[in-house]
């Protein structure tokens, strides 16, 4: 592809290369650069790609796109923001695959994974539809599952995946849109058919700094979609509506003036039921995933589908046949009269939501086992300790991806939130031993929530990932108990 074609829609400060130059591909990692590539030097947070321009040139890069002039005689293009330029060049290189599909982007702190999985299920209930999915748990092209390392891939990999989806015949694409991806331009160049906002609670402040910055990053989604969907019950809901540059459909459990309202809500250990009320329409909805947050996930799905022109009754019918999502209020088989759930709750709000929701349907004690990740927002640690003490009947504080921090120091900061609370608790830093203790000390009717890991099958210690699947851990403990 010619350089001029790659640079379409890119704001160029200075051009020091032939616009007719033919380029083979795009790279932003000098280790993966091949002859004939356009090398994009990204000024990152940990490393500056401009340092690796000589290596990329040595490997055969035909041109460099950068924010400051490189040394030597290498052809180069100067831009203001090379990360944004990478996204737009990638869109051009893969011929804008998102334009060939109906695209839905879901942003928010909690609920994105379950909502996108439910959306995929509902959309594919329509004959002829094939849906791609991009998310935290996995990426999917129809029924084919692809592993993923981050919620939203870097822009080049994202566009490559979208091209693969379009070429595979996907009519629709749903994706989790993280605040990082919006702030770092990973999704730049994509025009979403529908953008949805679930909620906003404390998370990623190590990156954004303040809740206002975090909200502003999320709101960027509504500047690149044709229609919006917003949860009015969230304190930041009106903020999103005010900043949207598109028509917005609102939903709520509490505000009758919203476009979509959930009424007559009924919760059980088997799932949720409610009536979805829109103008001139009342439809009963049933979803087999327990927890009050499932009502909001279902409302998000219904609202998105309404914006796509679907009927509420058809969406409701499809939701009845939907199953749960791995690591989201996932029921793990046990050997007796108690329940073990695995949930990804790793933020204060997510932990509070799952505890409140399950408290409503727990017959015995509500026991929560959780920790906080290392090298991440430290301010939420005592907050999560306090929330656990306020809503659970027994708390077990343990380790969760300590990374380069001391696990005992992290646990101590979490435990600080338990001080002054009467809720009984136990500190067991080793997560496997903590799970074993919880199982060995259960009572009839207890619900034990293993919070934080969710779909993850690893524990990060230092900078290395070690295999750790809580489903396997529980099964192994139960096998040993049965033998004994």
Protein backbone atom coordinates (compact mmCIF):
# COMPACT_ATOMS: atom_id res chain seq x y z
CA UNK A 1 0.00 0.00 0.00
CA UNK A 2 1.25 3.49 -0.82
CA UNK A 3 2.35 5.76 2.02
CA UNK A 4 -0.22 8.36 0.96
CA UNK A 5 -2.99 5.76 1.30
CA UNK A 6 -1.82 4.70 4.74
CA UNK A 7 -1.78 8.33 5.88
CA UNK A 8 -5.36 9.11 4.86
CA UNK A 9 -7.07 11.09 7.70
CA UNK A 10 -3.74 11.34 9.58
CA UNK A 11 -2.68 14.89 10.48
CA UNK A 12 0.88 15.17 9.16
CA UNK A 13 3.18 17.87 10.53
CA UNK A 14 6.08 17.24 8.17
CA UNK A 15 6.56 14.85 5.26
CA UNK A 16 10.11 13.71 4.59
CA UNK A 17 9.27 10.70 2.43
CA UNK A 18 7.85 9.97 -1.03
CA UNK A 19 4.02 9.74 -0.77
CA UNK A 20 4.14 7.11 -3.56
CA UNK A 21 6.44 4.86 -1.51
CA UNK A 22 5.08 1.29 -1.45
CA UNK A 23 4.98 -0.23 2.03
CA UNK A 24 4.44 -3.88 2.91
CA UNK A 25 3.02 -3.66 6.42
CA UNK A 26 2.94 -1.64 9.66
CA UNK A 27 4.96 -2.38 12.79
CA UNK A 28 5.39 -0.61 16.11
CA UNK A 29 7.68 -3.20 17.74
CA UNK A 30 11.18 -3.05 16.27
CA UNK A 31 11.71 -6.72 17.11
CA UNK A 32 8.89 -7.64 14.72
CA UNK A 33 9.77 -5.17 11.97
CA UNK A 34 10.29 -6.65 8.51
CA UNK A 35 11.70 -5.25 5.25
CA UNK A 36 9.37 -2.73 3.64
CA UNK A 37 7.44 -1.89 6.82
CA UNK A 38 6.25 1.49 8.03
CA UNK A 39 7.66 1.61 11.57
CA UNK A 40 5.59 3.67 14.00
CA UNK A 41 7.59 4.98 16.96
CA UNK A 42 5.25 5.25 19.96
CA UNK A 43 6.19 7.37 22.95
CA UNK A 44 4.92 4.93 25.57
CA UNK A 45 4.66 5.10 29.34
CA UNK A 46 7.38 2.53 30.01
CA UNK A 47 9.53 2.75 26.87
CA UNK A 48 9.90 5.28 24.06
CA UNK A 49 9.67 3.70 20.62
CA UNK A 50 11.86 6.45 19.19
CA UNK A 51 14.82 4.74 20.87
CA UNK A 52 14.29 1.71 18.65
CA UNK A 53 14.14 3.48 15.29
CA UNK A 54 17.75 2.45 14.44
CA UNK A 55 16.90 -1.21 15.11
CA UNK A 56 13.75 -0.97 12.96
CA UNK A 57 15.73 0.64 10.11
CA UNK A 58 18.39 -2.03 10.41
CA UNK A 59 15.68 -4.66 10.05
CA UNK A 60 14.48 -3.04 6.82
CA UNK A 61 11.84 -0.46 7.75
CA UNK A 62 11.26 1.61 4.60
CA UNK A 63 9.81 4.61 6.43
CA UNK A 64 9.36 5.84 9.99
CA UNK A 65 6.33 7.60 11.44
CA UNK A 66 7.34 9.52 14.56
CA UNK A 67 6.83 12.56 16.79
CA UNK A 68 10.36 13.89 16.51
CA UNK A 69 12.88 13.66 13.65
CA UNK A 70 15.04 10.51 13.66
CA UNK A 71 18.79 10.58 13.14
CA UNK A 72 20.26 9.59 9.77
CA UNK A 73 18.81 9.62 6.27
CA UNK A 74 15.75 7.46 6.93
CA UNK A 75 12.54 8.60 5.17
CA UNK A 76 10.13 9.74 7.85
CA UNK A 77 6.76 11.35 8.54
CA UNK A 78 6.31 13.65 11.52
CA UNK A 79 2.99 13.63 13.41
CA UNK A 80 1.70 15.14 16.65
CA UNK A 81 0.54 11.83 18.16
CA UNK A 82 2.07 8.63 16.78
CA UNK A 83 -0.28 6.40 18.80
CA UNK A 84 -3.31 8.02 17.16
CA UNK A 85 -1.57 7.84 13.80
CA UNK A 86 -0.95 4.10 14.30
CA UNK A 87 -4.67 3.53 14.81
CA UNK A 88 -5.69 5.50 11.72
CA UNK A 89 -2.97 3.92 9.56
CA UNK A 90 -4.11 0.49 10.74
CA UNK A 91 -7.70 1.30 9.77
CA UNK A 92 -6.49 2.24 6.30
CA UNK A 93 -4.17 -0.76 5.95
CA UNK A 94 -6.98 -3.23 6.75
CA UNK A 95 -9.54 -1.24 4.69
CA UNK A 96 -11.78 -0.20 7.60
CA UNK A 97 -13.30 -3.60 8.44
CA UNK A 98 -15.60 -2.16 11.13
CA UNK A 99 -17.57 -0.41 8.38
CA UNK A 100 -18.57 -3.80 7.00
CA UNK A 101 -20.31 -4.87 10.23
CA UNK A 102 -22.84 -3.57 12.74
CA UNK A 103 -20.65 -2.63 15.70
CA UNK A 104 -21.52 -2.29 19.39
CA UNK A 105 -19.05 -0.96 21.98
CA UNK A 106 -19.71 -1.38 25.71
CA UNK A 107 -17.78 0.70 28.25
CA UNK A 108 -18.00 0.98 32.04
CA UNK A 109 -16.20 -0.31 35.11
CA UNK A 110 -18.32 -3.41 35.68
CA UNK A 111 -20.61 -5.60 33.60
CA UNK A 112 -18.86 -5.26 30.24
CA UNK A 113 -17.91 -8.91 29.84
CA UNK A 114 -21.30 -10.38 30.73
CA UNK A 115 -23.13 -7.73 28.71
CA UNK A 116 -21.10 -8.35 25.55
CA UNK A 117 -21.48 -12.12 25.87
CA UNK A 118 -25.24 -11.73 26.29
CA UNK A 119 -25.37 -9.36 23.32
CA UNK A 120 -23.58 -11.91 21.16
CA UNK A 121 -26.06 -14.58 22.23
CA UNK A 122 -29.07 -12.38 21.49
CA UNK A 123 -27.78 -11.14 18.13
CA UNK A 124 -26.98 -14.66 16.97
CA UNK A 125 -30.50 -15.76 17.85
CA UNK A 126 -31.55 -13.97 14.66
CA UNK A 127 -31.18 -16.26 11.62
CA UNK A 128 -28.35 -15.17 9.34
CA UNK A 129 -26.45 -13.23 12.00
CA UNK A 130 -22.84 -14.09 12.87
CA UNK A 131 -21.17 -12.14 15.63
CA UNK A 132 -17.57 -11.43 16.54
CA UNK A 133 -16.64 -10.59 20.12
CA UNK A 134 -13.68 -8.77 21.65
CA UNK A 135 -13.39 -8.87 25.42
CA UNK A 136 -11.58 -9.56 28.65
CA UNK A 137 -12.27 -13.29 28.77
CA UNK A 138 -11.68 -14.08 25.13
CA UNK A 139 -12.10 -12.97 21.55
CA UNK A 140 -14.49 -14.89 19.33
CA UNK A 141 -15.29 -15.16 15.65
CA UNK A 142 -18.66 -16.88 15.61
CA UNK A 143 -18.04 -20.06 17.63
CA UNK A 144 -14.25 -19.93 17.28
CA UNK A 145 -12.48 -18.84 20.46
CA UNK A 146 -9.25 -16.82 20.42
CA UNK A 147 -7.18 -16.11 23.53
CA UNK A 148 -6.69 -12.53 24.64
CA UNK A 149 -4.26 -10.74 26.97
CA UNK A 150 -5.98 -7.36 27.44
CA UNK A 151 -9.55 -6.08 27.27
CA UNK A 152 -8.95 -4.08 24.09
CA UNK A 153 -6.01 -5.01 21.82
CA UNK A 154 -3.53 -2.44 20.46
CA UNK A 155 -4.97 -0.69 17.41
CA UNK A 156 -3.04 -2.67 14.77
CA UNK A 157 -4.03 -6.05 16.28
CA UNK A 158 -7.58 -4.78 16.77
CA UNK A 159 -7.96 -3.82 13.11
CA UNK A 160 -6.38 -7.10 12.02
CA UNK A 161 -8.90 -9.00 14.15
CA UNK A 162 -11.79 -6.94 12.79
CA UNK A 163 -10.65 -7.72 9.24
CA UNK A 164 -10.59 -11.42 10.11
CA UNK A 165 -14.13 -11.12 11.48
CA UNK A 166 -15.43 -9.32 8.40
CA UNK A 167 -13.76 -11.80 6.04
CA UNK A 168 -15.25 -14.69 8.06
CA UNK A 169 -18.73 -13.33 7.36
CA UNK A 170 -19.49 -11.63 10.67
CA UNK A 171 -22.52 -9.36 10.36
CA UNK A 172 -22.08 -7.95 13.86
CA UNK A 173 -19.25 -7.22 16.28
CA UNK A 174 -19.54 -6.50 19.99
CA UNK A 175 -16.61 -5.41 22.09
CA UNK A 176 -15.62 -4.24 25.55
CA UNK A 177 -14.16 -0.76 25.21
CA UNK A 178 -11.79 -0.02 28.10
CA UNK A 179 -10.95 3.46 29.32
CA UNK A 180 -7.31 2.75 28.45
CA UNK A 181 -8.24 1.98 24.84
CA UNK A 182 -10.18 5.23 24.54
CA UNK A 183 -7.47 7.32 26.17
CA UNK A 184 -4.67 5.65 24.20
CA UNK A 185 -6.49 5.79 20.84
CA UNK A 186 -6.63 2.01 20.35
CA UNK A 187 -10.18 2.28 19.00
CA UNK A 188 -9.65 5.50 17.03
CA UNK A 189 -11.09 5.28 13.53
CA UNK A 190 -13.96 2.97 14.51
CA UNK A 191 -17.47 4.35 14.12
CA UNK A 192 -19.72 2.31 16.42
CA UNK A 193 -23.32 1.71 15.48
CA UNK A 194 -24.19 1.73 19.20
CA UNK A 195 -22.10 2.70 22.22
CA UNK A 196 -23.23 1.69 25.72
CA UNK A 197 -22.29 2.87 29.24
CA UNK A 198 -22.89 0.48 32.16
CA UNK A 199 -21.49 2.26 35.24
CA UNK A 200 -18.45 4.01 36.67
CA UNK A 201 -16.81 3.18 39.99
CA UNK A 202 -13.30 3.51 41.37
CA UNK A 203 -10.75 1.63 39.29
CA UNK A 204 -7.63 2.38 37.22
CA UNK A 205 -6.88 5.58 39.14
CA UNK A 206 -3.22 4.59 38.94
CA UNK A 207 -3.57 5.44 35.24
CA UNK A 208 -6.25 8.16 35.12
CA UNK A 209 -5.41 9.93 38.37
CA UNK A 210 -8.93 11.14 39.19
CA UNK A 211 -12.50 9.93 38.74
CA UNK A 212 -13.14 12.96 36.53
CA UNK A 213 -10.36 11.91 34.15
CA UNK A 214 -11.64 8.32 34.25
CA UNK A 215 -15.16 9.49 33.35
CA UNK A 216 -13.87 11.76 30.58
CA UNK A 217 -12.05 8.80 29.03
CA UNK A 218 -15.22 6.68 29.08
CA UNK A 219 -17.28 9.53 27.60
CA UNK A 220 -15.07 9.57 24.51
CA UNK A 221 -16.97 6.52 23.26
CA UNK A 222 -20.03 8.72 22.69
CA UNK A 223 -18.12 10.92 20.28
CA UNK A 224 -17.57 8.02 17.90
CA UNK A 225 -20.89 6.19 17.80
CA UNK A 226 -24.15 6.75 15.92
CA UNK A 227 -26.44 5.94 18.87
CA UNK A 228 -25.87 5.69 22.61
CA UNK A 229 -27.19 3.69 25.58
CA UNK A 230 -26.71 4.99 29.15
CA UNK A 231 -27.53 3.70 32.64
CA UNK A 232 -29.28 6.63 34.33
CA UNK A 233 -29.09 5.02 37.79
CA UNK A 234 -25.33 5.43 37.83
CA UNK A 235 -24.12 8.73 39.35
CA UNK A 236 -22.14 9.38 36.15
CA UNK A 237 -25.06 8.58 33.85
CA UNK A 238 -26.14 12.18 33.26
CA UNK A 239 -22.49 13.13 32.69
CA UNK A 240 -22.38 10.66 29.80
CA UNK A 241 -25.69 11.86 28.37
CA UNK A 242 -24.58 15.50 28.46
CA UNK A 243 -21.34 14.73 26.61
CA UNK A 244 -22.84 12.42 24.00
CA UNK A 245 -22.74 13.61 20.42
CA UNK A 246 -25.46 11.19 19.34
CA UNK A 247 -29.05 10.24 20.24
CA UNK A 248 -29.11 8.39 23.59
CA UNK A 249 -31.54 5.77 24.92
CA UNK A 250 -31.54 5.69 28.73
CA UNK A 251 -32.45 2.83 31.09
CA UNK A 252 -33.13 2.61 34.82
CA UNK A 253 -34.56 0.63 37.70
CA UNK A 254 -35.54 3.77 39.57
CA UNK A 255 -36.20 6.68 37.18
CA UNK A 256 -39.58 6.34 35.47
CA UNK A 257 -38.71 9.00 32.90
CA UNK A 258 -35.98 6.75 31.43
CA UNK A 259 -36.66 5.27 28.01
CA UNK A 260 -36.42 1.71 29.37
CA UNK A 261 -37.41 0.82 32.95
CA UNK A 262 -37.22 -2.44 34.92
CA UNK A 263 -40.26 -3.02 37.15
CA UNK A 264 -41.49 -5.85 39.41
CA UNK A 265 -37.94 -7.21 39.92
CA UNK A 266 -37.68 -10.67 41.45
CA UNK A 267 -34.38 -12.20 42.55
CA UNK A 268 -33.51 -15.82 43.33
CA UNK A 269 -30.51 -18.12 43.42
CA UNK A 270 -31.58 -19.29 39.96
CA UNK A 271 -31.55 -15.86 38.31
CA UNK A 272 -33.61 -12.69 37.89
CA UNK A 273 -37.04 -11.83 36.53
CA UNK A 274 -38.50 -8.40 35.79
CA UNK A 275 -40.81 -6.48 33.48
CA UNK A 276 -39.15 -4.30 30.83
CA UNK A 277 -41.24 -1.17 30.31
CA UNK A 278 -40.83 1.02 27.23
CA UNK A 279 -43.26 3.40 25.54
CA UNK A 280 -46.31 1.34 24.64
CA UNK A 281 -44.66 -1.98 25.53
CA UNK A 282 -44.38 -4.19 28.63
CA UNK A 283 -42.38 -7.40 28.31
CA UNK A 284 -41.46 -10.02 30.90
CA UNK A 285 -37.74 -10.83 31.05
CA UNK A 286 -36.05 -13.82 32.62
CA UNK A 287 -32.28 -14.30 32.87
CA UNK A 288 -30.69 -17.33 34.55
CA UNK A 289 -27.79 -15.45 36.14
CA UNK A 290 -28.27 -14.56 39.84
CA UNK A 291 -27.66 -11.11 41.28
CA UNK A 292 -29.30 -7.70 41.01
CA UNK A 293 -26.55 -6.57 38.65
CA UNK A 294 -27.96 -9.10 36.17
CA UNK A 295 -30.98 -6.81 35.85
CA UNK A 296 -28.69 -3.98 34.71
CA UNK A 297 -26.78 -6.25 32.35
CA UNK A 298 -30.06 -7.37 30.80
CA UNK A 299 -31.28 -3.76 30.52
CA UNK A 300 -28.06 -2.78 28.73
CA UNK A 301 -28.56 -5.62 26.26
CA UNK A 302 -32.22 -4.76 25.66
CA UNK A 303 -31.41 -1.07 25.20
CA UNK A 304 -28.64 -1.81 22.67
CA UNK A 305 -30.91 -4.12 20.72
CA UNK A 306 -33.71 -1.53 20.72
CA UNK A 307 -31.24 0.96 19.21
CA UNK A 308 -30.56 -1.64 16.50
CA UNK A 309 -34.26 -1.89 15.73
CA UNK A 310 -35.04 -5.22 17.43
CA UNK A 311 -38.27 -5.88 19.32
CA UNK A 312 -38.22 -6.23 23.12
CA UNK A 313 -40.11 -9.53 22.94
CA UNK A 314 -37.48 -11.06 20.65
CA UNK A 315 -34.65 -9.92 22.94
CA UNK A 316 -36.49 -11.27 25.98
CA UNK A 317 -37.02 -14.63 24.32
CA UNK A 318 -33.31 -14.89 23.52
CA UNK A 319 -32.24 -13.90 27.04
CA UNK A 320 -34.23 -16.79 28.51
CA UNK A 321 -31.88 -19.24 26.80
CA UNK A 322 -28.65 -17.43 27.79
CA UNK A 323 -26.16 -19.09 30.13
CA UNK A 324 -23.73 -17.53 32.56
CA UNK A 325 -20.26 -16.25 31.71
CA UNK A 326 -17.07 -17.87 33.00
CA UNK A 327 -15.83 -16.06 36.09
CA UNK A 328 -18.97 -13.98 36.50
CA UNK A 329 -21.08 -15.34 39.40
CA UNK A 330 -19.97 -18.77 38.14
CA UNK A 331 -21.30 -21.69 40.18
CA UNK A 332 -18.62 -24.30 41.01
CA UNK A 333 -19.73 -27.87 41.83
CA UNK A 334 -19.38 -28.79 45.51
CA UNK A 335 -19.79 -31.94 47.60
CA UNK A 336 -22.59 -30.79 49.84
CA UNK A 337 -25.17 -28.31 51.07
CA UNK A 338 -23.24 -25.12 50.34
CA UNK A 339 -22.46 -23.04 47.24
CA UNK A 340 -19.17 -21.79 45.82
CA UNK A 341 -19.19 -18.94 43.33
CA UNK A 342 -16.26 -17.56 41.34
CA UNK A 343 -16.56 -13.89 40.41
CA UNK A 344 -14.21 -11.37 38.84
CA UNK A 345 -15.15 -8.63 41.33
CA UNK A 346 -11.87 -6.77 41.84
CA UNK A 347 -13.11 -3.22 42.38
CA UNK A 348 -14.94 -1.76 45.40
CA UNK A 349 -18.22 -1.38 43.52
CA UNK A 350 -18.06 -4.82 41.90
CA UNK A 351 -17.37 -6.44 45.26
CA UNK A 352 -20.20 -4.54 46.91
CA UNK A 353 -22.61 -5.41 44.10
CA UNK A 354 -21.94 -9.14 44.19
CA UNK A 355 -22.12 -9.25 47.99
CA UNK A 356 -25.39 -7.32 48.20
CA UNK A 357 -26.91 -9.37 45.40
CA UNK A 358 -25.96 -12.73 46.85
CA UNK A 359 -26.89 -11.72 50.40
CA UNK A 360 -30.48 -11.52 49.19
CA UNK A 361 -30.51 -15.19 48.21
CA UNK A 362 -28.14 -16.75 50.81
CA UNK A 363 -29.73 -19.06 53.40
CA UNK A 364 -26.62 -19.54 55.57
CA UNK A 365 -23.58 -17.28 55.87
CA UNK A 366 -22.19 -15.18 53.04
CA UNK A 367 -18.44 -15.82 53.03
CA UNK A 368 -16.13 -13.79 50.79
CA UNK A 369 -12.51 -14.60 49.96
CA UNK A 370 -10.57 -11.92 48.11
CA UNK A 371 -7.38 -9.90 47.74
CA UNK A 372 -6.11 -6.92 45.76
CA UNK A 373 -3.64 -6.84 42.87
CA UNK A 374 -0.12 -5.54 43.29
CA UNK A 375 1.26 -2.59 41.29
CA UNK A 376 -2.29 -1.23 41.00
CA UNK A 377 -4.44 1.38 42.74
CA UNK A 378 -3.56 1.09 46.44
CA UNK A 379 -6.32 3.40 47.65
CA UNK A 380 -9.03 0.84 46.95
CA UNK A 381 -7.51 -1.83 49.24
CA UNK A 382 -8.86 -0.66 52.63
CA UNK A 383 -12.08 0.37 50.90
CA UNK A 384 -12.62 -3.19 49.69
CA UNK A 385 -11.79 -4.49 53.16
CA UNK A 386 -14.45 -2.25 54.66
CA UNK A 387 -17.03 -3.24 52.02
CA UNK A 388 -16.38 -6.93 52.65
CA UNK A 389 -16.84 -6.46 56.39
CA UNK A 390 -20.06 -4.49 55.93
CA UNK A 391 -21.80 -6.92 53.58
CA UNK A 392 -20.38 -10.40 54.28
CA UNK A 393 -20.83 -12.61 57.34
CA UNK A 394 -17.23 -13.86 57.21
CA UNK A 395 -14.20 -12.42 55.39
CA UNK A 396 -11.04 -14.19 54.25
CA UNK A 397 -8.29 -11.86 53.04
CA UNK A 398 -5.74 -13.46 50.75
CA UNK A 399 -3.46 -12.78 47.78
CA UNK A 400 -4.45 -11.85 44.22
CA UNK A 401 -1.76 -11.20 41.58
CA UNK A 402 0.76 -9.54 43.93
CA UNK A 403 3.08 -8.84 41.00
CA UNK A 404 6.20 -7.03 42.24
CA UNK A 405 4.74 -6.05 45.63
CA UNK A 406 5.03 -7.96 48.90
CA UNK A 407 1.82 -10.04 49.25
CA UNK A 408 1.77 -9.64 53.03
CA UNK A 409 2.01 -5.84 52.69
CA UNK A 410 -0.94 -5.82 50.27
CA UNK A 411 -3.01 -8.02 52.57
CA UNK A 412 -2.21 -5.71 55.49
CA UNK A 413 -3.53 -2.71 53.56
CA UNK A 414 -6.74 -4.59 52.75
CA UNK A 415 -7.08 -5.72 56.38
CA UNK A 416 -6.83 -2.10 57.52
CA UNK A 417 -10.38 -1.66 56.23
CA UNK A 418 -11.59 -4.38 58.61
CA UNK A 419 -10.46 -2.56 61.75
CA UNK A 420 -13.32 -1.54 63.99
CA UNK A 421 -15.72 -3.95 62.26
CA UNK A 422 -17.34 -6.82 64.12
CA UNK A 423 -17.39 -9.13 61.13
CA UNK A 424 -15.22 -12.18 61.85
CA UNK A 425 -12.31 -12.56 59.46
CA UNK A 426 -9.20 -14.58 58.77
CA UNK A 427 -5.99 -13.67 56.93
CA UNK A 428 -4.37 -16.43 54.85
CA UNK A 429 -1.90 -15.00 52.33
CA UNK A 430 -1.56 -18.23 50.33
CA UNK A 431 -4.68 -18.26 48.14
CA UNK A 432 -4.81 -22.04 47.70
CA UNK A 433 -4.64 -22.59 51.47
CA UNK A 434 -7.26 -19.87 51.93
CA UNK A 435 -9.69 -21.65 49.58
CA UNK A 436 -9.04 -24.95 51.36
CA UNK A 437 -9.73 -23.33 54.74
CA UNK A 438 -12.98 -21.84 53.45
CA UNK A 439 -14.18 -25.23 52.22
CA UNK A 440 -13.09 -27.11 55.37
CA UNK A 441 -14.91 -24.60 57.59
CA UNK A 442 -18.15 -24.16 55.65
CA UNK A 443 -21.60 -24.51 57.20
CA UNK A 444 -24.85 -25.70 55.68
CA UNK A 445 -26.45 -23.09 53.44
CA UNK A 446 -23.28 -21.00 53.11
CA UNK A 447 -22.43 -19.17 49.91
CA UNK A 448 -18.65 -18.83 49.48
CA UNK A 449 -17.59 -16.21 46.94
CA UNK A 450 -14.05 -16.49 45.56
CA UNK A 451 -13.69 -12.91 44.33
CA UNK A 452 -11.11 -11.23 42.11
CA UNK A 453 -9.73 -13.94 39.82
CA UNK A 454 -12.86 -14.70 37.80
CA UNK A 455 -11.92 -16.08 34.40
CA UNK A 456 -8.18 -15.84 35.14
CA UNK A 457 -6.28 -19.11 35.33
CA UNK A 458 -3.06 -17.69 36.69
CA UNK A 459 -1.43 -15.84 39.58
CA UNK A 460 1.14 -13.16 38.75
CA UNK A 461 4.06 -13.21 41.18
CA UNK A 462 6.88 -10.84 40.34
CA UNK A 463 6.59 -10.55 36.57
CA UNK A 464 5.82 -14.22 35.97
CA UNK A 465 2.46 -15.94 35.51
CA UNK A 466 1.96 -19.16 37.45
CA UNK A 467 -0.95 -21.47 36.62
CA UNK A 468 -3.81 -21.11 39.09
CA UNK A 469 -7.35 -22.10 38.17
CA UNK A 470 -9.74 -21.86 41.11
CA UNK A 471 -12.06 -24.42 39.52
CA UNK A 472 -9.22 -26.95 39.53
CA UNK A 473 -8.23 -25.98 43.08
CA UNK A 474 -11.76 -26.55 44.40
CA UNK A 475 -12.09 -29.85 42.53
CA UNK A 476 -8.73 -31.06 43.87
CA UNK A 477 -9.64 -30.13 47.46
CA UNK A 478 -12.97 -31.95 47.15
CA UNK A 479 -11.28 -35.06 45.72
CA UNK A 480 -8.82 -35.16 48.62
CA UNK A 481 -11.68 -34.70 51.10
CA UNK A 482 -13.60 -37.58 49.49
CA UNK A 483 -10.56 -39.91 49.70
CA UNK A 484 -9.99 -38.98 53.35
